[in-house]
Amino acid sequence: MSTSLNYLSAYSPTVQNQVQQMLDKNTLEKYLLNKYPSVHNVTNDKSLRCYVMDIKNQYLKKSSPLSQIKFDDKIHVINNALGLHTYVSRVQGNKLKSKNEIRIGSLFKKTPEPFLSMIAVHELAHLKEKDHNKAFYKLCQYMMSDYHQVELDLRIYLTQIDKSGDIY
């Protein structure tokens, strides 16, 4: 039985075929659990803020401040996004006030730490690079050397969830 590989559509047919074979043989969940056996303990907005700010302070000290960092229950529904970086500018009197916010899908409250880290790194990179270009992904890799592998594994995880539900 073939499962839709929406999260892997940008990957090569070889990768898609490997994942499809694992799905067909029911070995994908085992692969993920062996590679990522446990979940993190960042389960509320306060701890998420500390977690993201630690990464920001390590790699992006001089970037714009973040006014809000939180888990968001609605994100998975919106454009199949996993996290959102928003930049809001408002005129207050004769001043222009701007705010940067990061929202991460509540789905990531109960995932392995590398998945949460990858999403945080991705959204933080948008503080410097608005578009998904070469410089953006270079910055992601600077903050997380195995960024691309974890992104692929996260997409594989999301494919598994779509097929069978949560595994953690």
Protein backbone atom coordinates (compact mmCIF):
# COMPACT_ATOMS: atom_id res chain seq x y z
CA MET A 1 0.00 0.00 0.00
CA SER A 2 1.49 3.33 -1.02
CA THR A 3 1.41 6.24 1.42
CA SER A 4 1.55 9.87 0.29
CA LEU A 5 5.04 11.30 0.73
CA ASN A 6 4.02 14.97 0.85
CA TYR A 7 6.78 15.91 3.28
CA LEU A 8 9.42 14.34 1.02
CA SER A 9 8.31 15.75 -2.34
CA ALA A 10 11.49 17.85 -2.71
CA TYR A 11 13.75 14.84 -2.21
CA SER A 12 15.10 12.53 -4.88
CA PRO A 13 13.09 9.54 -6.10
CA THR A 14 15.77 7.31 -4.52
CA VAL A 15 15.12 8.76 -1.05
CA GLN A 16 11.35 8.61 -1.59
CA ASN A 17 11.59 4.96 -2.67
CA GLN A 18 13.68 4.05 0.39
CA VAL A 19 11.14 5.65 2.71
CA GLN A 20 8.23 4.05 0.86
CA GLN A 21 9.86 0.62 1.19
CA MET A 22 10.31 1.15 4.94
CA LEU A 23 6.68 2.21 5.22
CA ASP A 24 5.53 -0.84 3.28
CA LYS A 25 7.61 -3.16 5.48
CA ASN A 26 6.53 -1.32 8.68
CA THR A 27 10.17 -0.63 9.62
CA LEU A 28 10.09 3.18 9.53
CA GLU A 29 8.97 3.55 13.15
CA LYS A 30 11.77 1.23 14.32
CA TYR A 31 14.32 3.22 12.31
CA LEU A 32 13.19 6.47 13.95
CA LEU A 33 13.06 5.04 17.48
CA ASN A 34 16.56 3.57 17.10
CA LYS A 35 17.98 6.85 15.85
CA TYR A 36 15.97 9.10 18.21
CA PRO A 37 15.02 7.01 21.26
CA SER A 38 13.77 9.76 23.57
CA VAL A 39 11.92 13.07 23.63
CA HIS A 40 13.07 16.39 25.06
CA ASN A 41 11.62 18.05 28.17
CA VAL A 42 10.79 21.45 26.64
CA THR A 43 7.03 21.32 27.06
CA ASN A 44 5.87 24.85 27.83
CA ASP A 45 6.35 28.34 26.42
CA LYS A 46 8.70 29.46 29.20
CA SER A 47 11.10 26.55 28.69
CA LEU A 48 10.82 26.97 24.90
CA ARG A 49 11.83 30.62 25.22
CA CYS A 50 14.89 29.64 27.27
CA TYR A 51 15.77 26.89 24.79
CA VAL A 52 15.52 29.13 21.71
CA MET A 53 17.27 32.07 23.41
CA ASP A 54 20.21 29.82 24.34
CA ILE A 55 20.66 28.97 20.65
CA LYS A 56 20.17 32.60 19.62
CA ASN A 57 22.69 33.86 22.19
CA GLN A 58 25.25 31.29 21.09
CA TYR A 59 25.05 31.95 17.34
CA LEU A 60 23.13 35.18 16.66
CA LYS A 61 24.00 37.58 19.50
CA LYS A 62 23.75 40.69 17.33
CA SER A 63 20.48 39.79 15.61
CA SER A 64 17.16 41.48 16.25
CA PRO A 65 15.52 40.81 19.63
CA LEU A 66 12.62 38.38 19.89
CA SER A 67 9.49 39.67 21.57
CA GLN A 68 7.69 36.33 21.72
CA ILE A 69 8.60 32.64 21.48
CA LYS A 70 5.85 30.11 21.99
CA PHE A 71 4.26 26.83 21.01
CA ASP A 72 1.22 27.26 18.78
CA ASP A 73 -1.60 24.70 18.43
CA LYS A 74 -2.71 26.10 15.06
CA ILE A 75 0.58 25.99 13.18
CA HIS A 76 0.43 22.46 11.77
CA VAL A 77 -2.80 23.43 10.03
CA ILE A 78 -1.50 26.65 8.47
CA ASN A 79 0.23 25.90 5.15
CA ASN A 80 1.68 22.71 6.62
CA ALA A 81 4.20 24.90 8.45
CA LEU A 82 6.13 23.53 11.40
CA GLY A 83 7.15 26.87 12.79
CA LEU A 84 6.66 30.52 11.91
CA HIS A 85 8.84 33.57 12.16
CA THR A 86 6.84 36.75 11.97
CA TYR A 87 8.05 40.31 11.72
CA VAL A 88 5.50 42.95 12.62
CA SER A 89 6.03 46.71 12.19
CA ARG A 90 3.69 49.20 13.82
CA VAL A 91 3.64 52.97 13.92
CA GLN A 92 3.30 54.31 17.45
CA GLY A 93 3.18 58.08 17.43
CA ASN A 94 6.18 59.23 15.42
CA LYS A 95 8.12 55.98 15.96
CA LEU A 96 8.20 52.74 14.04
CA LYS A 97 8.16 49.75 16.41
CA SER A 98 9.04 46.27 15.17
CA LYS A 99 8.64 42.88 16.76
CA ASN A 100 10.06 39.49 15.83
CA GLU A 101 8.14 36.44 16.98
CA ILE A 102 8.80 32.73 16.72
CA ARG A 103 6.00 30.22 17.00
CA ILE A 104 6.66 26.50 16.90
CA GLY A 105 3.97 23.90 16.27
CA SER A 106 2.72 22.22 19.45
CA LEU A 107 3.49 18.91 17.76
CA PHE A 108 7.12 19.56 18.80
CA LYS A 109 6.33 19.44 22.52
CA LYS A 110 6.73 15.67 22.30
CA THR A 111 9.49 14.93 19.81
CA PRO A 112 13.20 14.15 19.99
CA GLU A 113 15.36 17.13 20.86
CA PRO A 114 17.14 17.32 17.47
CA PHE A 115 13.75 17.92 15.77
CA LEU A 116 12.95 20.83 18.10
CA SER A 117 16.46 22.18 17.64
CA MET A 118 16.16 22.01 13.85
CA ILE A 119 12.89 23.96 13.87
CA ALA A 120 14.34 26.55 16.30
CA VAL A 121 17.48 26.94 14.15
CA HIS A 122 15.34 27.29 11.01
CA GLU A 123 13.17 30.02 12.51
CA LEU A 124 16.16 31.82 14.06
CA ALA A 125 17.91 31.86 10.68
CA HIS A 126 15.00 33.96 9.41
CA LEU A 127 16.18 36.77 11.70
CA LYS A 128 19.12 37.24 9.31
CA GLU A 129 17.84 35.73 6.05
CA LYS A 130 14.18 36.14 5.12
CA ASP A 131 14.27 33.80 2.10
CA HIS A 132 15.17 30.13 1.84
CA ASN A 133 18.33 30.77 -0.16
CA LYS A 134 21.94 29.53 -0.03
CA ALA A 135 22.88 31.98 2.71
CA PHE A 136 19.88 30.87 4.78
CA TYR A 137 20.83 27.18 4.66
CA LYS A 138 24.50 28.00 5.26
CA LEU A 139 23.45 29.83 8.44
CA CYS A 140 21.29 26.86 9.49
CA GLN A 141 24.27 24.55 9.02
CA TYR A 142 26.50 26.92 10.97
CA MET A 143 24.10 26.70 13.93
CA MET A 144 23.47 22.95 13.51
CA SER A 145 26.06 21.01 11.52
CA ASP A 146 23.70 18.08 10.79
CA TYR A 147 20.78 20.38 9.92
CA HIS A 148 20.01 18.74 6.56
CA GLN A 149 20.03 15.19 7.93
CA VAL A 150 17.78 16.14 10.86
CA GLU A 151 15.43 17.96 8.48
CA LEU A 152 15.16 14.80 6.36
CA ASP A 153 14.60 12.65 9.46
CA LEU A 154 11.94 15.09 10.69
CA ARG A 155 10.15 14.83 7.34
CA ILE A 156 10.37 11.04 7.61
CA TYR A 157 8.93 11.29 11.13
CA LEU A 158 6.03 13.42 9.87
CA THR A 159 5.40 10.86 7.13
CA GLN A 160 5.26 8.12 9.78
CA ILE A 161 2.83 10.18 11.88
CA ASP A 162 0.56 10.65 8.86
CA LYS A 163 0.53 6.89 8.34
CA SER A 164 0.22 5.55 11.89
CA GLY A 165 -0.07 8.37 14.39
CA ASP A 166 2.36 9.50 17.08
CA ILE A 167 5.24 7.18 17.97
CA TYR A 168 6.51 8.87 21.14
